[in-house]
Amino acid sequence: MDNVALADLPGRPCPIAAALGLVGERWALLVVREIALGATRFGDIVAGTGAPRDRIAARLKALESAGIVTRTPYHDGPVRYEYRLTDSGDALMPVLDALLEWGRHYAVASDDPDRQRRYRPMSALKVKGSR
């Protein structure tokens, strides 16, 4: 994983800024969510996030470079890959849980009928995308 020297970060350097440099792009944590939920193939990850294919391809490359996901071939000709979370990716589950709760309380309209739906915490799932 490429670690960041805090002194190299602009503004007020801290571990939050370093973490956001790795997973702070809009689609990054949604890719992690999809893999954790069991979507390990590119098309399934794209479908689950609703993001453009080129964005997901870029995020997967960045997450792999950061050591958050690994990819392994599952098909030859053309080569196709499955993606799995590393220990670093698994460690993001409490972050996703915090975003889930915050989003449910503060980002979703109070009259949204799905707001009170019971969402299972990511950390409670047996992380299917893990190695």
Protein backbone atom coordinates (compact mmCIF):
# COMPACT_ATOMS: atom_id res chain seq x y z
CA MET A 1 0.00 0.00 0.00
CA ASP A 2 1.23 3.48 -0.78
CA ASN A 3 1.35 5.33 2.52
CA VAL A 4 1.37 9.10 2.63
CA ALA A 5 3.78 11.28 4.56
CA LEU A 6 1.66 13.73 6.51
CA ALA A 7 4.12 16.53 5.75
CA ASP A 8 3.38 16.05 2.03
CA LEU A 9 -0.34 16.81 2.43
CA PRO A 10 -1.65 20.32 1.71
CA GLY A 11 -3.48 22.35 4.33
CA ARG A 12 -3.79 20.88 7.83
CA PRO A 13 -2.19 17.45 7.39
CA CYS A 14 -3.69 14.66 9.50
CA PRO A 15 -4.65 10.98 9.15
CA ILE A 16 -8.16 11.99 8.00
CA ALA A 17 -6.66 13.84 5.04
CA ALA A 18 -4.40 10.88 4.27
CA ALA A 19 -7.36 8.45 4.40
CA LEU A 20 -9.48 10.68 2.17
CA GLY A 21 -6.63 10.73 -0.32
CA LEU A 22 -7.07 6.97 -0.67
CA VAL A 23 -10.83 6.45 -0.33
CA GLY A 24 -12.37 9.92 -0.47
CA GLU A 25 -13.33 9.96 -4.14
CA ARG A 26 -17.09 9.69 -4.69
CA TRP A 27 -17.23 6.07 -5.89
CA ALA A 28 -14.41 4.52 -3.86
CA LEU A 29 -16.35 3.52 -0.75
CA LEU A 30 -19.30 2.38 -2.84
CA VAL A 31 -16.95 0.01 -4.66
CA VAL A 32 -15.76 -1.28 -1.27
CA ARG A 33 -19.41 -1.66 -0.19
CA GLU A 34 -20.29 -3.68 -3.29
CA ILE A 35 -17.33 -6.02 -2.89
CA ALA A 36 -18.16 -6.49 0.79
CA LEU A 37 -21.73 -7.37 -0.20
CA GLY A 38 -20.42 -10.06 -2.54
CA ALA A 39 -20.22 -8.30 -5.93
CA THR A 40 -16.74 -9.37 -6.94
CA ARG A 41 -16.97 -9.01 -10.72
CA PHE A 42 -16.66 -5.74 -12.58
CA GLY A 43 -20.15 -5.72 -14.11
CA ASP A 44 -21.77 -6.47 -10.76
CA ILE A 45 -19.79 -3.70 -9.07
CA VAL A 46 -20.83 -1.24 -11.80
CA ALA A 47 -24.49 -2.27 -11.47
CA GLY A 48 -24.46 -1.97 -7.69
CA THR A 49 -22.89 1.47 -7.63
CA GLY A 50 -24.74 2.93 -10.62
CA ALA A 51 -21.50 4.62 -11.64
CA PRO A 52 -20.12 4.88 -15.17
CA ARG A 53 -17.91 1.94 -16.13
CA ASP A 54 -14.84 4.11 -16.68
CA ARG A 55 -15.16 5.59 -13.18
CA ILE A 56 -15.38 2.15 -11.60
CA ALA A 57 -12.41 0.93 -13.61
CA ALA A 58 -10.37 3.91 -12.39
CA ARG A 59 -11.50 3.41 -8.77
CA LEU A 60 -10.66 -0.29 -8.83
CA LYS A 61 -7.17 0.47 -10.13
CA ALA A 62 -6.65 3.12 -7.44
CA LEU A 63 -8.00 0.85 -4.68
CA GLU A 64 -5.77 -1.97 -5.87
CA SER A 65 -2.76 0.33 -5.94
CA ALA A 66 -3.61 1.45 -2.38
CA GLY A 67 -3.78 -2.16 -1.19
CA ILE A 68 -7.50 -2.01 -0.38
CA VAL A 69 -8.58 -4.56 -3.00
CA THR A 70 -6.86 -7.37 -4.86
CA ARG A 71 -7.78 -8.76 -8.24
CA THR A 72 -7.37 -12.27 -9.52
CA PRO A 73 -8.18 -13.63 -12.97
CA TYR A 74 -11.18 -15.92 -13.20
CA HIS A 75 -11.41 -16.21 -17.00
CA ASP A 76 -8.85 -16.43 -19.82
CA GLY A 77 -9.53 -14.99 -23.25
CA PRO A 78 -10.31 -12.27 -22.63
CA VAL A 79 -8.86 -12.12 -19.15
CA ARG A 80 -11.48 -11.11 -16.58
CA TYR A 81 -10.91 -10.44 -12.92
CA GLU A 82 -12.61 -10.86 -9.58
CA TYR A 83 -12.02 -8.29 -6.86
CA ARG A 84 -11.71 -9.01 -3.15
CA LEU A 85 -11.07 -6.85 -0.12
CA THR A 86 -7.72 -7.06 1.63
CA ASP A 87 -7.39 -6.73 5.39
CA SER A 88 -7.15 -2.99 4.76
CA GLY A 89 -10.45 -3.07 2.87
CA ASP A 90 -12.12 -5.17 5.58
CA ALA A 91 -11.00 -2.56 8.12
CA LEU A 92 -13.20 0.00 6.33
CA MET A 93 -16.43 -1.72 7.46
CA PRO A 94 -16.80 0.42 10.62
CA VAL A 95 -16.33 3.51 8.41
CA LEU A 96 -19.16 2.32 6.16
CA ASP A 97 -21.29 1.63 9.23
CA ALA A 98 -20.73 5.18 10.49
CA LEU A 99 -21.61 6.62 7.07
CA LEU A 100 -24.73 4.43 6.92
CA GLU A 101 -26.00 5.77 10.24
CA TRP A 102 -25.04 9.37 9.54
CA GLY A 103 -26.59 9.20 6.08
CA ARG A 104 -29.81 7.69 7.38
CA HIS A 105 -30.18 10.42 10.00
CA TYR A 106 -28.84 13.48 8.18
CA ALA A 107 -28.57 12.90 4.42
CA VAL A 108 -31.89 11.17 3.65
CA ALA A 109 -35.08 13.23 3.62
CA SER A 110 -37.10 12.78 6.82
CA ASP A 111 -40.21 11.83 4.83
CA ASP A 112 -38.44 9.21 2.69
CA PRO A 113 -40.36 5.94 3.23
CA ASP A 114 -37.13 3.92 3.09
CA ARG A 115 -35.37 6.05 5.73
CA GLN A 116 -36.43 3.83 8.62
CA ARG A 117 -35.73 0.61 6.76
CA ARG A 118 -33.45 -1.65 8.74
CA TYR A 119 -30.07 -1.64 7.07
CA ARG A 120 -27.73 -4.27 8.39
CA PRO A 121 -24.40 -2.87 9.52
CA MET A 122 -21.60 -3.73 7.12
CA SER A 123 -19.45 -4.97 10.00
CA ALA A 124 -22.20 -7.47 10.93
CA LEU A 125 -22.09 -9.08 7.51
CA LYS A 126 -19.82 -11.98 6.85
CA VAL A 127 -17.72 -10.04 4.40
CA LYS A 128 -18.12 -12.07 1.22
CA GLY A 129 -15.63 -10.02 -0.75
CA SER A 130 -12.77 -10.68 1.63
CA ARG A 131 -9.94 -12.98 1.04
